[in-house]
């Protein structure tokens, strides 16, 4: 638990999932259950966040302690006006309205239904299993076959499916959804493949945060100097889909409600450097921070060789 410049360790738990399961079993709010488990051991958060603590490092804000394959990472796009305008600009070849903008308009018209009723379905994409998660200070990789890599600063919901098969929201965290925008720009049907990349989550998991109006900043640092920065706005007040509608359309599928599974779902962004013509270079630092969501999430970009190697498939 974060206490200003220190971290208090919890007794009796070795993962967020174990803590959440215990809270569900006890019928207690997660925050109270965590407070009851506080130990007397305090760590220097400044040193750990900066990466200077030899014995400690920050992990992703959630993972599945037994099997990364039981953690699904996914997201919703076209949820902010900024994301819709960027997508329209990327794929419009004339004044004709793109499919992306049509979907956004559907969200504006029907993405915030009355309480208790489903609205229009948002865009949904799959990013991978928990194996793609990276933590604060860890690099996000551009694969050899990729054409680019760029930050997408977002808030992500963190969920656990309880024993009865009901989705339970553990909390939310700042995230860098990270995508290949150059590949996606070729054709919007490449969007699905452009999302299959590493992503970052954390450094802090916020329990039961307000999700109405959240301000933030995304910054790109190159060799210690700021080369791009932009304010961010997220939360339901600036989104065309309500949180309840996004969650309904993700968890309406039976396969997304397997007891014991973890889900991480990104809620979309309204700004990213690629939209302003910035091309990231190897070693650039992507810095993302949201008010009320703890310390900044920082990740270097790592770009490997550009020559794609053939993956050969042989019969058994």
C-alpha atoms as a PDB file:
ATOM      1  CA  UNK A   1       0.000   0.000   0.000  1.00  0.00           C
ATOM      2  CA  UNK A   2       1.378   3.397  -1.010  1.00  0.00           C
ATOM      3  CA  UNK A   3       1.858   5.885   1.825  1.00  0.00           C
ATOM      4  CA  UNK A   4       3.297   9.025   0.212  1.00  0.00           C
ATOM      5  CA  UNK A   5       7.043   8.335  -0.149  1.00  0.00           C
ATOM      6  CA  UNK A   6       6.870   4.819   1.252  1.00  0.00           C
ATOM      7  CA  UNK A   7       5.317   1.458   0.474  1.00  0.00           C
ATOM      8  CA  UNK A   8       3.853  -0.699   3.252  1.00  0.00           C
ATOM      9  CA  UNK A   9       4.023  -4.416   2.612  1.00  0.00           C
ATOM     10  CA  UNK A  10       1.047  -6.715   3.254  1.00  0.00           C
ATOM     11  CA  UNK A  11       1.276  -9.849   5.377  1.00  0.00           C
ATOM     12  CA  UNK A  12      -0.130 -13.158   4.200  1.00  0.00           C
ATOM     13  CA  UNK A  13      -0.544 -12.547   0.448  1.00  0.00           C
ATOM     14  CA  UNK A  14       1.795 -13.086  -2.480  1.00  0.00           C
ATOM     15  CA  UNK A  15      -0.405 -11.647  -5.249  1.00  0.00           C
ATOM     16  CA  UNK A  16      -3.213  -9.186  -5.884  1.00  0.00           C
ATOM     17  CA  UNK A  17      -5.402 -12.097  -6.983  1.00  0.00           C
ATOM     18  CA  UNK A  18      -4.920 -13.861  -3.645  1.00  0.00           C
ATOM     19  CA  UNK A  19      -5.797 -10.649  -1.813  1.00  0.00           C
ATOM     20  CA  UNK A  20      -8.929 -10.124  -3.932  1.00  0.00           C
ATOM     21  CA  UNK A  21     -10.062 -13.731  -3.489  1.00  0.00           C
ATOM     22  CA  UNK A  22      -9.633 -13.439   0.267  1.00  0.00           C
ATOM     23  CA  UNK A  23     -11.657 -10.223   0.319  1.00  0.00           C
ATOM     24  CA  UNK A  24     -14.445 -11.906  -1.651  1.00  0.00           C
ATOM     25  CA  UNK A  25     -14.401 -14.884   0.721  1.00  0.00           C
ATOM     26  CA  UNK A  26     -14.597 -12.575   3.738  1.00  0.00           C
ATOM     27  CA  UNK A  27     -17.282 -10.384   2.155  1.00  0.00           C
ATOM     28  CA  UNK A  28     -15.180  -7.307   2.908  1.00  0.00           C
ATOM     29  CA  UNK A  29     -14.257  -4.364   0.658  1.00  0.00           C
ATOM     30  CA  UNK A  30     -10.831  -4.864  -0.899  1.00  0.00           C
ATOM     31  CA  UNK A  31      -9.395  -1.634   0.513  1.00  0.00           C
ATOM     32  CA  UNK A  32     -10.400  -2.564   4.075  1.00  0.00           C
ATOM     33  CA  UNK A  33      -9.107  -6.101   3.672  1.00  0.00           C
ATOM     34  CA  UNK A  34      -5.756  -4.740   2.473  1.00  0.00           C
ATOM     35  CA  UNK A  35      -5.591  -2.291   5.388  1.00  0.00           C
ATOM     36  CA  UNK A  36      -6.173  -5.121   7.840  1.00  0.00           C
ATOM     37  CA  UNK A  37      -3.174  -6.984   6.344  1.00  0.00           C
ATOM     38  CA  UNK A  38      -0.658  -4.122   6.623  1.00  0.00           C
ATOM     39  CA  UNK A  39       2.690  -5.088   8.074  1.00  0.00           C
ATOM     40  CA  UNK A  40       5.216  -2.850   9.819  1.00  0.00           C
ATOM     41  CA  UNK A  41       7.723  -3.161   6.938  1.00  0.00           C
ATOM     42  CA  UNK A  42       8.122   0.075   4.977  1.00  0.00           C
ATOM     43  CA  UNK A  43      10.132   0.565   1.778  1.00  0.00           C
ATOM     44  CA  UNK A  44      11.511   3.675   0.082  1.00  0.00           C
ATOM     45  CA  UNK A  45       9.087   4.262  -2.812  1.00  0.00           C
ATOM     46  CA  UNK A  46      11.264   6.967  -4.380  1.00  0.00           C
ATOM     47  CA  UNK A  47      14.156   4.555  -4.900  1.00  0.00           C
ATOM     48  CA  UNK A  48      11.948   1.721  -6.153  1.00  0.00           C
ATOM     49  CA  UNK A  49      10.057   3.911  -8.624  1.00  0.00           C
ATOM     50  CA  UNK A  50      13.324   5.345  -9.950  1.00  0.00           C
ATOM     51  CA  UNK A  51      14.702   1.841 -10.437  1.00  0.00           C
ATOM     52  CA  UNK A  52      17.508   2.378  -7.965  1.00  0.00           C
ATOM     53  CA  UNK A  53      16.525  -0.179  -5.317  1.00  0.00           C
ATOM     54  CA  UNK A  54      18.724  -3.232  -5.789  1.00  0.00           C
ATOM     55  CA  UNK A  55      16.429  -5.695  -3.998  1.00  0.00           C
ATOM     56  CA  UNK A  56      13.042  -4.438  -5.197  1.00  0.00           C
ATOM     57  CA  UNK A  57      11.314  -3.730  -8.498  1.00  0.00           C
ATOM     58  CA  UNK A  58       7.761  -2.969  -9.489  1.00  0.00           C
ATOM     59  CA  UNK A  59       5.684  -5.661 -11.201  1.00  0.00           C
ATOM     60  CA  UNK A  60       2.636  -5.039 -13.423  1.00  0.00           C
ATOM     61  CA  UNK A  61      -0.321  -3.874 -11.330  1.00  0.00           C
ATOM     62  CA  UNK A  62      -1.985  -7.291 -11.825  1.00  0.00           C
ATOM     63  CA  UNK A  63      -1.132 -10.698 -13.232  1.00  0.00           C
ATOM     64  CA  UNK A  64      -2.361 -14.255 -12.842  1.00  0.00           C
ATOM     65  CA  UNK A  65      -0.153 -15.952 -10.250  1.00  0.00           C
ATOM     66  CA  UNK A  66      -0.556 -19.469 -11.674  1.00  0.00           C
ATOM     67  CA  UNK A  67      -0.835 -19.105 -15.458  1.00  0.00           C
ATOM     68  CA  UNK A  68      -0.405 -16.019 -17.691  1.00  0.00           C
ATOM     69  CA  UNK A  69      -2.793 -17.624 -20.202  1.00  0.00           C
ATOM     70  CA  UNK A  70      -5.609 -17.129 -17.674  1.00  0.00           C
ATOM     71  CA  UNK A  71      -5.181 -13.362 -17.905  1.00  0.00           C
ATOM     72  CA  UNK A  72      -6.864 -11.782 -20.935  1.00  0.00           C
ATOM     73  CA  UNK A  73      -5.728  -8.340 -22.108  1.00  0.00           C
ATOM     74  CA  UNK A  74      -8.178  -6.485 -24.342  1.00  0.00           C
ATOM     75  CA  UNK A  75      -9.533  -3.014 -24.998  1.00  0.00           C
ATOM     76  CA  UNK A  76     -12.169  -0.710 -26.368  1.00  0.00           C
ATOM     77  CA  UNK A  77     -11.373   1.785 -29.112  1.00  0.00           C
ATOM     78  CA  UNK A  78     -13.204   4.802 -30.503  1.00  0.00           C
ATOM     79  CA  UNK A  79     -14.346   5.653 -26.992  1.00  0.00           C
ATOM     80  CA  UNK A  80     -13.027   9.267 -26.971  1.00  0.00           C
ATOM     81  CA  UNK A  81     -13.581  12.032 -29.489  1.00  0.00           C
ATOM     82  CA  UNK A  82      -9.827  12.366 -29.922  1.00  0.00           C
ATOM     83  CA  UNK A  83      -9.435   8.697 -30.821  1.00  0.00           C
ATOM     84  CA  UNK A  84     -12.191   8.945 -33.426  1.00  0.00           C
ATOM     85  CA  UNK A  85     -10.679  11.990 -35.109  1.00  0.00           C
ATOM     86  CA  UNK A  86      -7.216  10.382 -35.190  1.00  0.00           C
ATOM     87  CA  UNK A  87      -8.632   7.200 -36.722  1.00  0.00           C
ATOM     88  CA  UNK A  88     -10.651   9.198 -39.270  1.00  0.00           C
ATOM     89  CA  UNK A  89      -7.512  11.080 -40.296  1.00  0.00           C
ATOM     90  CA  UNK A  90      -5.489   7.853 -40.556  1.00  0.00           C
ATOM     91  CA  UNK A  91      -7.926   6.056 -42.840  1.00  0.00           C
ATOM     92  CA  UNK A  92      -9.827   8.759 -44.747  1.00  0.00           C
ATOM     93  CA  UNK A  93      -8.841   9.028 -48.398  1.00  0.00           C
ATOM     94  CA  UNK A  94     -11.571  11.543 -49.211  1.00  0.00           C
ATOM     95  CA  UNK A  95     -14.389  13.415 -47.530  1.00  0.00           C
ATOM     96  CA  UNK A  96     -16.280  10.130 -47.239  1.00  0.00           C
ATOM     97  CA  UNK A  97     -17.053   9.048 -43.691  1.00  0.00           C
ATOM     98  CA  UNK A  98     -14.950   6.054 -42.634  1.00  0.00           C
ATOM     99  CA  UNK A  99     -16.293   2.938 -40.909  1.00  0.00           C
ATOM    100  CA  UNK A 100     -14.392   4.071 -37.803  1.00  0.00           C
ATOM    101  CA  UNK A 101     -16.259   7.367 -37.651  1.00  0.00           C
ATOM    102  CA  UNK A 102     -19.576   5.607 -38.262  1.00  0.00           C
ATOM    103  CA  UNK A 103     -18.879   3.329 -35.304  1.00  0.00           C
ATOM    104  CA  UNK A 104     -17.968   6.336 -33.185  1.00  0.00           C
ATOM    105  CA  UNK A 105     -21.263   8.015 -34.116  1.00  0.00           C
ATOM    106  CA  UNK A 106     -23.119   4.868 -33.079  1.00  0.00           C
ATOM    107  CA  UNK A 107     -21.434   5.195 -29.706  1.00  0.00           C
ATOM    108  CA  UNK A 108     -22.447   8.839 -29.391  1.00  0.00           C
ATOM    109  CA  UNK A 109     -26.043   7.907 -30.181  1.00  0.00           C
ATOM    110  CA  UNK A 110     -26.349   4.730 -28.115  1.00  0.00           C
ATOM    111  CA  UNK A 111     -23.281   4.152 -25.958  1.00  0.00           C
ATOM    112  CA  UNK A 112     -24.715   5.629 -22.769  1.00  0.00           C
ATOM    113  CA  UNK A 113     -27.997   3.767 -22.201  1.00  0.00           C
ATOM    114  CA  UNK A 114     -30.321   4.090 -19.246  1.00  0.00           C
ATOM    115  CA  UNK A 115     -29.155   2.274 -16.085  1.00  0.00           C
ATOM    116  CA  UNK A 116     -29.820  -1.440 -16.276  1.00  0.00           C
ATOM    117  CA  UNK A 117     -30.055  -1.558 -20.072  1.00  0.00           C
ATOM    118  CA  UNK A 118     -27.398  -2.470 -22.672  1.00  0.00           C
ATOM    119  CA  UNK A 119     -26.429   0.078 -25.269  1.00  0.00           C
ATOM    120  CA  UNK A 120     -24.737  -0.185 -28.643  1.00  0.00           C
ATOM    121  CA  UNK A 121     -21.627  -2.354 -28.703  1.00  0.00           C
ATOM    122  CA  UNK A 122     -18.283  -0.516 -28.745  1.00  0.00           C
ATOM    123  CA  UNK A 123     -15.264  -1.525 -30.784  1.00  0.00           C
ATOM    124  CA  UNK A 124     -13.402  -4.394 -29.077  1.00  0.00           C
ATOM    125  CA  UNK A 125      -9.890  -5.689 -29.650  1.00  0.00           C
ATOM    126  CA  UNK A 126      -7.710  -8.455 -28.219  1.00  0.00           C
ATOM    127  CA  UNK A 127      -4.121  -7.736 -27.182  1.00  0.00           C
ATOM    128  CA  UNK A 128      -2.945 -11.052 -25.783  1.00  0.00           C
ATOM    129  CA  UNK A 129      -2.523 -13.005 -22.573  1.00  0.00           C
ATOM    130  CA  UNK A 130      -0.780 -11.898 -19.407  1.00  0.00           C
ATOM    131  CA  UNK A 131       2.518 -12.833 -21.062  1.00  0.00           C
ATOM    132  CA  UNK A 132       2.509  -9.466 -22.891  1.00  0.00           C
ATOM    133  CA  UNK A 133       2.294  -7.389 -19.681  1.00  0.00           C
ATOM    134  CA  UNK A 134       5.247  -5.214 -18.759  1.00  0.00           C
ATOM    135  CA  UNK A 135       5.834  -3.189 -15.610  1.00  0.00           C
ATOM    136  CA  UNK A 136       6.982   0.341 -14.897  1.00  0.00           C
ATOM    137  CA  UNK A 137      10.578   0.841 -16.155  1.00  0.00           C
ATOM    138  CA  UNK A 138      10.456  -2.273 -18.349  1.00  0.00           C
ATOM    139  CA  UNK A 139      10.883  -1.803 -22.128  1.00  0.00           C
ATOM    140  CA  UNK A 140       8.040  -2.202 -24.614  1.00  0.00           C
ATOM    141  CA  UNK A 141       9.317  -4.105 -27.629  1.00  0.00           C
ATOM    142  CA  UNK A 142       8.815  -3.467 -31.336  1.00  0.00           C
ATOM    143  CA  UNK A 143       9.096  -6.944 -32.916  1.00  0.00           C
ATOM    144  CA  UNK A 144      11.312  -7.565 -35.938  1.00  0.00           C
ATOM    145  CA  UNK A 145       8.258  -7.949 -38.173  1.00  0.00           C
ATOM    146  CA  UNK A 146       6.581  -4.735 -36.950  1.00  0.00           C
ATOM    147  CA  UNK A 147       6.652  -1.395 -38.742  1.00  0.00           C
ATOM    148  CA  UNK A 148       6.469   0.898 -35.725  1.00  0.00           C
ATOM    149  CA  UNK A 149       5.593   1.164 -32.047  1.00  0.00           C
ATOM    150  CA  UNK A 150       3.858   4.008 -30.288  1.00  0.00           C
ATOM    151  CA  UNK A 151       2.369   4.809 -26.915  1.00  0.00           C
ATOM    152  CA  UNK A 152      -1.369   4.838 -26.197  1.00  0.00           C
ATOM    153  CA  UNK A 153      -1.944   6.390 -22.762  1.00  0.00           C
ATOM    154  CA  UNK A 154      -5.071   4.920 -21.189  1.00  0.00           C
ATOM    155  CA  UNK A 155      -6.779   3.821 -18.015  1.00  0.00           C
ATOM    156  CA  UNK A 156      -7.405   0.078 -17.777  1.00  0.00           C
ATOM    157  CA  UNK A 157      -9.940  -1.809 -15.707  1.00  0.00           C
ATOM    158  CA  UNK A 158      -8.682  -4.802 -13.712  1.00  0.00           C
ATOM    159  CA  UNK A 159     -11.119  -7.664 -13.058  1.00  0.00           C
ATOM    160  CA  UNK A 160     -11.347 -11.059 -11.404  1.00  0.00           C
ATOM    161  CA  UNK A 161     -14.070 -13.598 -12.201  1.00  0.00           C
ATOM    162  CA  UNK A 162     -15.403 -14.913  -8.908  1.00  0.00           C
ATOM    163  CA  UNK A 163     -16.352 -18.496  -8.073  1.00  0.00           C
ATOM    164  CA  UNK A 164     -19.912 -17.997  -9.304  1.00  0.00           C
ATOM    165  CA  UNK A 165     -18.730 -16.708 -12.685  1.00  0.00           C
ATOM    166  CA  UNK A 166     -19.508 -13.046 -11.982  1.00  0.00           C
ATOM    167  CA  UNK A 167     -17.003 -10.360 -13.024  1.00  0.00           C
ATOM    168  CA  UNK A 168     -15.682  -8.304 -10.102  1.00  0.00           C
ATOM    169  CA  UNK A 169     -13.733  -5.089 -10.625  1.00  0.00           C
ATOM    170  CA  UNK A 170     -10.580  -5.057  -8.487  1.00  0.00           C
ATOM    171  CA  UNK A 171      -9.648  -1.531  -9.535  1.00  0.00           C
ATOM    172  CA  UNK A 172      -8.054   0.509 -12.305  1.00  0.00           C
ATOM    173  CA  UNK A 173      -4.526   1.451 -13.316  1.00  0.00           C
ATOM    174  CA  UNK A 174      -2.729   3.762 -15.695  1.00  0.00           C
ATOM    175  CA  UNK A 175      -1.536   1.924 -18.775  1.00  0.00           C
ATOM    176  CA  UNK A 176       0.367   2.181 -22.025  1.00  0.00           C
ATOM    177  CA  UNK A 177      -1.615   0.131 -24.511  1.00  0.00           C
ATOM    178  CA  UNK A 178       1.167   0.418 -27.180  1.00  0.00           C
ATOM    179  CA  UNK A 179       0.378  -0.341 -30.825  1.00  0.00           C
ATOM    180  CA  UNK A 180       1.829  -0.391 -34.335  1.00  0.00           C
ATOM    181  CA  UNK A 181       0.146   2.663 -35.840  1.00  0.00           C
ATOM    182  CA  UNK A 182       2.078   2.566 -39.122  1.00  0.00           C
ATOM    183  CA  UNK A 183       0.819  -0.964 -39.824  1.00  0.00           C
ATOM    184  CA  UNK A 184      -2.731  -0.038 -38.828  1.00  0.00           C
ATOM    185  CA  UNK A 185      -2.694   3.038 -41.076  1.00  0.00           C
ATOM    186  CA  UNK A 186      -2.230   0.874 -44.172  1.00  0.00           C
ATOM    187  CA  UNK A 187      -5.741  -0.488 -43.746  1.00  0.00           C
ATOM    188  CA  UNK A 188      -8.127  -0.478 -40.791  1.00  0.00           C
ATOM    189  CA  UNK A 189      -8.501  -4.255 -41.152  1.00  0.00           C
ATOM    190  CA  UNK A 190      -4.906  -4.473 -39.892  1.00  0.00           C
ATOM    191  CA  UNK A 191      -5.989  -2.985 -36.554  1.00  0.00           C
ATOM    192  CA  UNK A 192      -6.416  -6.430 -34.952  1.00  0.00           C
ATOM    193  CA  UNK A 193      -2.829  -7.457 -35.743  1.00  0.00           C
ATOM    194  CA  UNK A 194      -1.437  -4.033 -34.848  1.00  0.00           C
ATOM    195  CA  UNK A 195      -2.662  -4.519 -31.277  1.00  0.00           C
ATOM    196  CA  UNK A 196      -0.773  -7.789 -30.664  1.00  0.00           C
ATOM    197  CA  UNK A 197       2.096  -6.106 -28.862  1.00  0.00           C
ATOM    198  CA  UNK A 198       3.498  -5.794 -25.359  1.00  0.00           C
ATOM    199  CA  UNK A 199       1.840  -3.226 -23.095  1.00  0.00           C
ATOM    200  CA  UNK A 200       2.478  -1.738 -19.661  1.00  0.00           C
ATOM    201  CA  UNK A 201       0.290  -1.405 -16.580  1.00  0.00           C
ATOM    202  CA  UNK A 202       0.896   0.438 -13.331  1.00  0.00           C
ATOM    203  CA  UNK A 203       2.843   1.239 -11.298  1.00  0.00           C
ATOM    204  CA  UNK A 204      -0.138   1.529  -8.924  1.00  0.00           C
ATOM    205  CA  UNK A 205      -3.468  -0.279  -8.790  1.00  0.00           C
ATOM    206  CA  UNK A 206      -6.173   2.145  -7.638  1.00  0.00           C
ATOM    207  CA  UNK A 207      -9.060   0.561  -5.768  1.00  0.00           C
ATOM    208  CA  UNK A 208     -12.518   1.970  -6.547  1.00  0.00           C
ATOM    209  CA  UNK A 209     -11.387   5.236  -8.210  1.00  0.00           C
ATOM    210  CA  UNK A 210     -13.622   7.981  -9.503  1.00  0.00           C
ATOM    211  CA  UNK A 211     -14.000   7.529 -13.271  1.00  0.00           C
ATOM    212  CA  UNK A 212     -15.866  10.635 -14.326  1.00  0.00           C
ATOM    213  CA  UNK A 213     -13.280  13.249 -15.329  1.00  0.00           C
ATOM    214  CA  UNK A 214      -9.589  12.374 -15.199  1.00  0.00           C
ATOM    215  CA  UNK A 215      -6.825  14.590 -16.495  1.00  0.00           C
ATOM    216  CA  UNK A 216      -3.346  13.448 -17.380  1.00  0.00           C
ATOM    217  CA  UNK A 217      -0.253  14.004 -19.472  1.00  0.00           C
ATOM    218  CA  UNK A 218       1.682  11.912 -21.964  1.00  0.00           C
ATOM    219  CA  UNK A 219       5.324  12.795 -22.592  1.00  0.00           C
ATOM    220  CA  UNK A 220       8.086  11.448 -24.819  1.00  0.00           C
ATOM    221  CA  UNK A 221      11.685  11.846 -23.620  1.00  0.00           C
ATOM    222  CA  UNK A 222      14.671  11.388 -25.925  1.00  0.00           C
ATOM    223  CA  UNK A 223      18.128  11.281 -24.340  1.00  0.00           C
ATOM    224  CA  UNK A 224      16.680  13.023 -21.299  1.00  0.00           C
ATOM    225  CA  UNK A 225      15.003  15.871 -23.214  1.00  0.00           C
ATOM    226  CA  UNK A 226      11.276  16.273 -23.774  1.00  0.00           C
ATOM    227  CA  UNK A 227      10.409  16.065 -27.480  1.00  0.00           C
ATOM    228  CA  UNK A 228       6.611  15.859 -27.184  1.00  0.00           C
ATOM    229  CA  UNK A 229       3.997  16.292 -24.487  1.00  0.00           C
ATOM    230  CA  UNK A 230       0.225  16.585 -24.512  1.00  0.00           C
ATOM    231  CA  UNK A 231      -2.551  16.833 -21.931  1.00  0.00           C
ATOM    232  CA  UNK A 232      -4.998  13.932 -21.688  1.00  0.00           C
ATOM    233  CA  UNK A 233      -8.638  13.687 -20.714  1.00  0.00           C
ATOM    234  CA  UNK A 234     -10.428  10.466 -19.913  1.00  0.00           C
ATOM    235  CA  UNK A 235     -13.342   9.204 -17.852  1.00  0.00           C
ATOM    236  CA  UNK A 236     -17.033   8.866 -18.582  1.00  0.00           C
ATOM    237  CA  UNK A 237     -17.619  12.594 -18.975  1.00  0.00           C
ATOM    238  CA  UNK A 238     -15.469  12.678 -22.137  1.00  0.00           C
ATOM    239  CA  UNK A 239     -16.378   9.238 -23.486  1.00  0.00           C
ATOM    240  CA  UNK A 240     -19.224   8.222 -25.765  1.00  0.00           C
ATOM    241  CA  UNK A 241     -19.656   4.879 -23.979  1.00  0.00           C
ATOM    242  CA  UNK A 242     -20.452   4.517 -20.294  1.00  0.00           C
ATOM    243  CA  UNK A 243     -18.267   2.283 -18.163  1.00  0.00           C
ATOM    244  CA  UNK A 244     -21.233   0.004 -17.501  1.00  0.00           C
ATOM    245  CA  UNK A 245     -21.855  -0.397 -21.237  1.00  0.00           C
ATOM    246  CA  UNK A 246     -18.198  -1.189 -21.968  1.00  0.00           C
ATOM    247  CA  UNK A 247     -18.110  -3.751 -19.171  1.00  0.00           C
ATOM    248  CA  UNK A 248     -21.398  -5.363 -20.236  1.00  0.00           C
ATOM    249  CA  UNK A 249     -20.239  -5.885 -23.805  1.00  0.00           C
ATOM    250  CA  UNK A 250     -16.951  -7.418 -22.670  1.00  0.00           C
ATOM    251  CA  UNK A 251     -18.387  -9.772 -20.080  1.00  0.00           C
ATOM    252  CA  UNK A 252     -21.567 -10.754 -21.944  1.00  0.00           C
ATOM    253  CA  UNK A 253     -19.605 -13.621 -23.509  1.00  0.00           C
ATOM    254  CA  UNK A 254     -19.684 -16.804 -21.436  1.00  0.00           C
ATOM    255  CA  UNK A 255     -16.017 -17.531 -22.199  1.00  0.00           C
ATOM    256  CA  UNK A 256     -15.113 -14.182 -20.584  1.00  0.00           C
ATOM    257  CA  UNK A 257     -16.627 -15.294 -17.274  1.00  0.00           C
ATOM    258  CA  UNK A 258     -14.578 -18.350 -16.331  1.00  0.00           C
ATOM    259  CA  UNK A 259     -14.117 -18.467 -12.551  1.00  0.00           C
ATOM    260  CA  UNK A 260     -10.590 -17.571 -11.517  1.00  0.00           C
ATOM    261  CA  UNK A 261      -9.663 -15.709 -14.709  1.00  0.00           C
ATOM    262  CA  UNK A 262      -8.175 -12.211 -14.674  1.00  0.00           C
ATOM    263  CA  UNK A 263      -9.117  -9.558 -17.239  1.00  0.00           C
ATOM    264  CA  UNK A 264      -7.393  -6.290 -18.097  1.00  0.00           C
ATOM    265  CA  UNK A 265      -9.433  -4.018 -20.366  1.00  0.00           C
ATOM    266  CA  UNK A 266      -8.135  -0.719 -21.761  1.00  0.00           C
ATOM    267  CA  UNK A 267     -10.733   2.056 -22.047  1.00  0.00           C
ATOM    268  CA  UNK A 268      -9.232   4.096 -24.894  1.00  0.00           C
ATOM    269  CA  UNK A 269      -7.259   7.308 -25.317  1.00  0.00           C
ATOM    270  CA  UNK A 270      -7.762  10.787 -26.698  1.00  0.00           C
ATOM    271  CA  UNK A 271      -4.155  11.637 -27.665  1.00  0.00           C
ATOM    272  CA  UNK A 272      -0.914   9.962 -28.690  1.00  0.00           C
ATOM    273  CA  UNK A 273       2.304  11.174 -30.254  1.00  0.00           C
ATOM    274  CA  UNK A 274       1.818   9.345 -33.572  1.00  0.00           C
ATOM    275  CA  UNK A 275      -1.234  11.505 -34.213  1.00  0.00           C
ATOM    276  CA  UNK A 276       1.068  14.545 -34.111  1.00  0.00           C
ATOM    277  CA  UNK A 277       3.590  13.044 -36.502  1.00  0.00           C
ATOM    278  CA  UNK A 278       6.125  11.820 -33.927  1.00  0.00           C
ATOM    279  CA  UNK A 279       8.065   8.646 -34.772  1.00  0.00           C
ATOM    280  CA  UNK A 280       9.613   7.012 -31.711  1.00  0.00           C
ATOM    281  CA  UNK A 281      13.237   5.874 -31.714  1.00  0.00           C
ATOM    282  CA  UNK A 282      14.987   3.110 -29.825  1.00  0.00           C
ATOM    283  CA  UNK A 283      15.572   4.199 -26.228  1.00  0.00           C
ATOM    284  CA  UNK A 284      12.872   6.902 -26.123  1.00  0.00           C
ATOM    285  CA  UNK A 285      11.022   7.005 -22.798  1.00  0.00           C
ATOM    286  CA  UNK A 286       7.218   7.018 -22.800  1.00  0.00           C
ATOM    287  CA  UNK A 287       5.867   8.693 -19.667  1.00  0.00           C
ATOM    288  CA  UNK A 288       2.169   8.526 -18.762  1.00  0.00           C
ATOM    289  CA  UNK A 289       0.487   9.978 -15.697  1.00  0.00           C
ATOM    290  CA  UNK A 290      -3.128  10.514 -14.665  1.00  0.00           C
ATOM    291  CA  UNK A 291      -4.346  12.602 -11.748  1.00  0.00           C
ATOM    292  CA  UNK A 292      -5.420  10.347  -8.888  1.00  0.00           C
ATOM    293  CA  UNK A 293      -3.675   7.286 -10.336  1.00  0.00           C
ATOM    294  CA  UNK A 294      -0.379   7.457  -8.519  1.00  0.00           C
ATOM    295  CA  UNK A 295       3.103   7.955  -9.830  1.00  0.00           C
ATOM    296  CA  UNK A 296       3.914   8.092 -13.549  1.00  0.00           C
ATOM    297  CA  UNK A 297       4.226   4.955 -15.647  1.00  0.00           C
ATOM    298  CA  UNK A 298       7.496   5.107 -17.593  1.00  0.00           C
ATOM    299  CA  UNK A 299       8.723   2.648 -20.221  1.00  0.00           C
ATOM    300  CA  UNK A 300      11.550   2.800 -22.745  1.00  0.00           C
ATOM    301  CA  UNK A 301      10.865   1.621 -26.280  1.00  0.00           C
ATOM    302  CA  UNK A 302      13.092  -1.147 -27.599  1.00  0.00           C
ATOM    303  CA  UNK A 303      13.329  -1.558 -31.371  1.00  0.00           C
ATOM    304  CA  UNK A 304      15.002  -4.720 -32.671  1.00  0.00           C
ATOM    305  CA  UNK A 305      16.224  -5.478 -36.153  1.00  0.00           C
ATOM    306  CA  UNK A 306      13.888  -4.712 -39.007  1.00  0.00           C
ATOM    307  CA  UNK A 307      14.443  -7.845 -41.118  1.00  0.00           C
ATOM    308  CA  UNK A 308      11.622 -10.312 -40.626  1.00  0.00           C
ATOM    309  CA  UNK A 309      12.566 -13.951 -40.187  1.00  0.00           C
ATOM    310  CA  UNK A 310      10.341 -16.599 -41.712  1.00  0.00           C
ATOM    311  CA  UNK A 311       8.538 -18.825 -39.223  1.00  0.00           C
ATOM    312  CA  UNK A 312       8.521 -22.257 -40.831  1.00  0.00           C
ATOM    313  CA  UNK A 313       5.770 -24.730 -39.992  1.00  0.00           C
ATOM    314  CA  UNK A 314       6.560 -28.431 -40.372  1.00  0.00           C
ATOM    315  CA  UNK A 315       4.199 -31.383 -40.172  1.00  0.00           C
ATOM    316  CA  UNK A 316       4.251 -33.516 -37.049  1.00  0.00           C
END
